Amino acid sequence: MIKAILIFNNHGKPRLSKFYQRYSEDTQQQIIRETFHLVSKRDENVCNFLEGGL
């Protein structure tokens, strides 16, 4: 099940964030920070889709 769709610019600013499950604002911000941190560490030739479990 897709729980969220997040799109960032290269500097980490969210350009689109859509959550399909209810989370508190603090939890959403934490998810956004952690997701950008994980994606930004990857090589350029690696897919930027993440599987996660909350």
PDB file of N, CA and C in Angstrom:
ATOM      1  N   MET A   1       0.834  -1.168   0.000  1.00  0.00           N
ATOM      2  CA  MET A   1       0.000   0.000   0.000  1.00  0.00           C
ATOM      3  C   MET A   1       0.889   1.245   0.000  1.00  0.00           C
ATOM      4  N   ILE A   2       0.557   2.192  -0.828  1.00  0.00           N
ATOM      5  CA  ILE A   2       1.290   3.456  -0.860  1.00  0.00           C
ATOM      6  C   ILE A   2       0.779   4.319   0.282  1.00  0.00           C
ATOM      7  N   LYS A   3       1.702   4.759   1.134  1.00  0.00           N
ATOM      8  CA  LYS A   3       1.323   5.583   2.286  1.00  0.00           C
ATOM      9  C   LYS A   3       1.606   7.053   2.056  1.00  0.00           C
ATOM     10  N   ALA A   4       2.547   7.360   1.146  1.00  0.00           N
ATOM     11  CA  ALA A   4       2.873   8.762   0.873  1.00  0.00           C
ATOM     12  C   ALA A   4       3.620   8.872  -0.443  1.00  0.00           C
ATOM     13  N   ILE A   5       3.491  10.034  -1.068  1.00  0.00           N
ATOM     14  CA  ILE A   5       4.284  10.383  -2.242  1.00  0.00           C
ATOM     15  C   ILE A   5       4.998  11.678  -1.900  1.00  0.00           C
ATOM     16  N   LEU A   6       6.317  11.655  -2.022  1.00  0.00           N
ATOM     17  CA  LEU A   6       7.135  12.815  -1.669  1.00  0.00           C
ATOM     18  C   LEU A   6       8.054  13.152  -2.831  1.00  0.00           C
ATOM     19  N   ILE A   7       8.074  14.415  -3.228  1.00  0.00           N
ATOM     20  CA  ILE A   7       8.960  14.880  -4.289  1.00  0.00           C
ATOM     21  C   ILE A   7       9.743  16.065  -3.741  1.00  0.00           C
ATOM     22  N   PHE A   8      11.071  15.993  -3.883  1.00  0.00           N
ATOM     23  CA  PHE A   8      11.971  17.019  -3.346  1.00  0.00           C
ATOM     24  C   PHE A   8      12.749  17.682  -4.471  1.00  0.00           C
ATOM     25  N   ASN A   9      13.218  18.908  -4.219  1.00  0.00           N
ATOM     26  CA  ASN A   9      14.215  19.480  -5.116  1.00  0.00           C
ATOM     27  C   ASN A   9      15.590  19.006  -4.641  1.00  0.00           C
ATOM     28  N   ASN A  10      16.647  19.445  -5.303  1.00  0.00           N
ATOM     29  CA  ASN A  10      17.997  18.974  -4.963  1.00  0.00           C
ATOM     30  C   ASN A  10      18.500  19.488  -3.623  1.00  0.00           C
ATOM     31  N   HIS A  11      17.837  20.475  -3.065  1.00  0.00           N
ATOM     32  CA  HIS A  11      18.265  21.061  -1.794  1.00  0.00           C
ATOM     33  C   HIS A  11      17.472  20.525  -0.611  1.00  0.00           C
ATOM     34  N   GLY A  12      16.539  19.612  -0.865  1.00  0.00           N
ATOM     35  CA  GLY A  12      15.788  18.999   0.221  1.00  0.00           C
ATOM     36  C   GLY A  12      14.453  19.636   0.516  1.00  0.00           C
ATOM     37  N   LYS A  13      14.076  20.652  -0.253  1.00  0.00           N
ATOM     38  CA  LYS A  13      12.782  21.287  -0.027  1.00  0.00           C
ATOM     39  C   LYS A  13      11.693  20.440  -0.681  1.00  0.00           C
ATOM     40  N   PRO A  14      10.671  20.046   0.087  1.00  0.00           N
ATOM     41  CA  PRO A  14       9.593  19.248  -0.502  1.00  0.00           C
ATOM     42  C   PRO A  14       8.789  20.086  -1.499  1.00  0.00           C
ATOM     43  N   ARG A  15       8.640  19.575  -2.706  1.00  0.00           N
ATOM     44  CA  ARG A  15       7.839  20.242  -3.732  1.00  0.00           C
ATOM     45  C   ARG A  15       6.430  19.665  -3.785  1.00  0.00           C
ATOM     46  N   LEU A  16       6.306  18.418  -3.384  1.00  0.00           N
ATOM     47  CA  LEU A  16       4.994  17.775  -3.297  1.00  0.00           C
ATOM     48  C   LEU A  16       5.057  16.769  -2.165  1.00  0.00           C
ATOM     49  N   SER A  17       4.089  16.815  -1.293  1.00  0.00           N
ATOM     50  CA  SER A  17       3.997  15.790  -0.248  1.00  0.00           C
ATOM     51  C   SER A  17       2.528  15.449  -0.066  1.00  0.00           C
ATOM     52  N   LYS A  18       2.211  14.213  -0.348  1.00  0.00           N
ATOM     53  CA  LYS A  18       0.839  13.727  -0.226  1.00  0.00           C
ATOM     54  C   LYS A  18       0.871  12.468   0.621  1.00  0.00           C
ATOM     55  N   PHE A  19       0.223  12.525   1.778  1.00  0.00           N
ATOM     56  CA  PHE A  19       0.142  11.383   2.678  1.00  0.00           C
ATOM     57  C   PHE A  19      -1.241  10.768   2.545  1.00  0.00           C
ATOM     58  N   TYR A  20      -1.291   9.456   2.327  1.00  0.00           N
ATOM     59  CA  TYR A  20      -2.551   8.744   2.173  1.00  0.00           C
ATOM     60  C   TYR A  20      -2.976   8.061   3.462  1.00  0.00           C
ATOM     61  N   GLN A  21      -2.227   8.286   4.500  1.00  0.00           N
ATOM     62  CA  GLN A  21      -2.540   7.767   5.821  1.00  0.00           C
ATOM     63  C   GLN A  21      -2.348   8.928   6.792  1.00  0.00           C
ATOM     64  N   ARG A  22      -3.182   9.001   7.790  1.00  0.00           N
ATOM     65  CA  ARG A  22      -3.096  10.125   8.734  1.00  0.00           C
ATOM     66  C   ARG A  22      -1.892   9.980   9.654  1.00  0.00           C
ATOM     67  N   TYR A  23      -1.082  11.037   9.680  1.00  0.00           N
ATOM     68  CA  TYR A  23       0.048  11.153  10.591  1.00  0.00           C
ATOM     69  C   TYR A  23      -0.009  12.551  11.192  1.00  0.00           C
ATOM     70  N   SER A  24       0.516  12.697  12.388  1.00  0.00           N
ATOM     71  CA  SER A  24       0.599  14.033  12.976  1.00  0.00           C
ATOM     72  C   SER A  24       1.579  14.870  12.151  1.00  0.00           C
ATOM     73  N   GLU A  25       1.482  16.173  12.287  1.00  0.00           N
ATOM     74  CA  GLU A  25       2.371  17.075  11.547  1.00  0.00           C
ATOM     75  C   GLU A  25       3.835  16.804  11.880  1.00  0.00           C
ATOM     76  N   ASP A  26       4.129  16.536  13.147  1.00  0.00           N
ATOM     77  CA  ASP A  26       5.510  16.232  13.550  1.00  0.00           C
ATOM     78  C   ASP A  26       6.018  14.960  12.887  1.00  0.00           C
ATOM     79  N   THR A  27       5.172  13.939  12.825  1.00  0.00           N
ATOM     80  CA  THR A  27       5.557  12.676  12.198  1.00  0.00           C
ATOM     81  C   THR A  27       5.774  12.870  10.703  1.00  0.00           C
ATOM     82  N   GLN A  28       4.915  13.651  10.053  1.00  0.00           N
ATOM     83  CA  GLN A  28       5.087  13.924   8.627  1.00  0.00           C
ATOM     84  C   GLN A  28       6.422  14.615   8.363  1.00  0.00           C
ATOM     85  N   GLN A  29       6.765  15.601   9.178  1.00  0.00           N
ATOM     86  CA  GLN A  29       8.033  16.312   8.995  1.00  0.00           C
ATOM     87  C   GLN A  29       9.222  15.386   9.211  1.00  0.00           C
ATOM     88  N   GLN A  30       9.107  14.488  10.173  1.00  0.00           N
ATOM     89  CA  GLN A  30      10.181  13.524  10.425  1.00  0.00           C
ATOM     90  C   GLN A  30      10.337  12.577   9.236  1.00  0.00           C
ATOM     91  N   ILE A  31       9.235  12.105   8.685  1.00  0.00           N
ATOM     92  CA  ILE A  31       9.272  11.217   7.516  1.00  0.00           C
ATOM     93  C   ILE A  31       9.915  11.940   6.337  1.00  0.00           C
ATOM     94  N   ILE A  32       9.547  13.190   6.121  1.00  0.00           N
ATOM     95  CA  ILE A  32      10.111  13.975   5.018  1.00  0.00           C
ATOM     96  C   ILE A  32      11.617  14.133   5.185  1.00  0.00           C
ATOM     97  N   ARG A  33      12.071  14.487   6.384  1.00  0.00           N
ATOM     98  CA  ARG A  33      13.516  14.651   6.633  1.00  0.00           C
ATOM     99  C   ARG A  33      14.271  13.343   6.411  1.00  0.00           C
ATOM    100  N   GLU A  34      13.762  12.254   6.981  1.00  0.00           N
ATOM    101  CA  GLU A  34      14.454  10.967   6.869  1.00  0.00           C
ATOM    102  C   GLU A  34      14.471  10.467   5.434  1.00  0.00           C
ATOM    103  N   THR A  35      13.381  10.684   4.703  1.00  0.00           N
ATOM    104  CA  THR A  35      13.312  10.234   3.315  1.00  0.00           C
ATOM    105  C   THR A  35      14.320  10.986   2.458  1.00  0.00           C
ATOM    106  N   PHE A  36      14.389  12.302   2.608  1.00  0.00           N
ATOM    107  CA  PHE A  36      15.371  13.061   1.828  1.00  0.00           C
ATOM    108  C   PHE A  36      16.785  12.629   2.180  1.00  0.00           C
ATOM    109  N   HIS A  37      17.039  12.397   3.447  1.00  0.00           N
ATOM    110  CA  HIS A  37      18.369  11.959   3.875  1.00  0.00           C
ATOM    111  C   HIS A  37      18.744  10.637   3.197  1.00  0.00           C
ATOM    112  N   LEU A  38      17.815   9.700   3.120  1.00  0.00           N
ATOM    113  CA  LEU A  38      18.088   8.405   2.486  1.00  0.00           C
ATOM    114  C   LEU A  38      18.301   8.547   0.981  1.00  0.00           C
ATOM    115  N   VAL A  39      17.456   9.339   0.325  1.00  0.00           N
ATOM    116  CA  VAL A  39      17.535   9.472  -1.129  1.00  0.00           C
ATOM    117  C   VAL A  39      18.768  10.273  -1.542  1.00  0.00           C
ATOM    118  N   SER A  40      19.121  11.292  -0.790  1.00  0.00           N
ATOM    119  CA  SER A  40      20.238  12.155  -1.192  1.00  0.00           C
ATOM    120  C   SER A  40      21.590  11.459  -1.095  1.00  0.00           C
ATOM    121  N   LYS A  41      21.695  10.388  -0.316  1.00  0.00           N
ATOM    122  CA  LYS A  41      22.962   9.656  -0.183  1.00  0.00           C
ATOM    123  C   LYS A  41      23.210   8.693  -1.338  1.00  0.00           C
ATOM    124  N   ARG A  42      22.210   8.423  -2.144  1.00  0.00           N
ATOM    125  CA  ARG A  42      22.335   7.409  -3.192  1.00  0.00           C
ATOM    126  C   ARG A  42      23.116   7.922  -4.391  1.00  0.00           C
ATOM    127  N   ASP A  43      23.694   6.962  -5.139  1.00  0.00           N
ATOM    128  CA  ASP A  43      24.357   7.296  -6.398  1.00  0.00           C
ATOM    129  C   ASP A  43      23.337   7.847  -7.385  1.00  0.00           C
ATOM    130  N   GLU A  44      23.828   8.565  -8.387  1.00  0.00           N
ATOM    131  CA  GLU A  44      22.939   9.138  -9.399  1.00  0.00           C
ATOM    132  C   GLU A  44      22.274   8.072 -10.259  1.00  0.00           C
ATOM    133  N   ASN A  45      22.890   6.897 -10.385  1.00  0.00           N
ATOM    134  CA  ASN A  45      22.343   5.861 -11.257  1.00  0.00           C
ATOM    135  C   ASN A  45      21.446   4.876 -10.509  1.00  0.00           C
ATOM    136  N   VAL A  46      21.052   5.204  -9.284  1.00  0.00           N
ATOM    137  CA  VAL A  46      20.203   4.332  -8.475  1.00  0.00           C
ATOM    138  C   VAL A  46      18.793   4.903  -8.445  1.00  0.00           C
ATOM    139  N   CYS A  47      17.816   4.025  -8.500  1.00  0.00           N
ATOM    140  CA  CYS A  47      16.413   4.428  -8.428  1.00  0.00           C
ATOM    141  C   CYS A  47      16.140   5.147  -7.104  1.00  0.00           C
ATOM    142  N   ASN A  48      15.298   6.149  -7.133  1.00  0.00           N
ATOM    143  CA  ASN A  48      14.990   6.923  -5.936  1.00  0.00           C
ATOM    144  C   ASN A  48      13.651   6.550  -5.305  1.00  0.00           C
ATOM    145  N   PHE A  49      13.123   5.388  -5.644  1.00  0.00           N
ATOM    146  CA  PHE A  49      11.927   4.881  -4.983  1.00  0.00           C
ATOM    147  C   PHE A  49      12.362   4.140  -3.727  1.00  0.00           C
ATOM    148  N   LEU A  50      11.659   4.340  -2.641  1.00  0.00           N
ATOM    149  CA  LEU A  50      11.987   3.676  -1.382  1.00  0.00           C
ATOM    150  C   LEU A  50      10.813   2.840  -0.910  1.00  0.00           C
ATOM    151  N   GLU A  51      11.132   1.701  -0.335  1.00  0.00           N
ATOM    152  CA  GLU A  51      10.132   0.916   0.372  1.00  0.00           C
ATOM    153  C   GLU A  51      10.381   1.126   1.848  1.00  0.00           C
ATOM    154  N   GLY A  52       9.338   1.309   2.577  1.00  0.00           N
ATOM    155  CA  GLY A  52       9.510   1.532   4.007  1.00  0.00           C
ATOM    156  C   GLY A  52       8.348   0.936   4.764  1.00  0.00           C
ATOM    157  N   GLY A  53       8.480   0.933   6.027  1.00  0.00           N
ATOM    158  CA  GLY A  53       7.403   0.414   6.853  1.00  0.00           C
ATOM    159  C   GLY A  53       7.192   1.282   8.069  1.00  0.00           C
ATOM    160  N   LEU A  54       6.019   1.818   8.169  1.00  0.00           N
ATOM    161  CA  LEU A  54       5.637   2.586   9.355  1.00  0.00           C
ATOM    162  C   LEU A  54       4.438   1.939   9.987  1.00  0.00           C
TER     163      LEU A  54
END
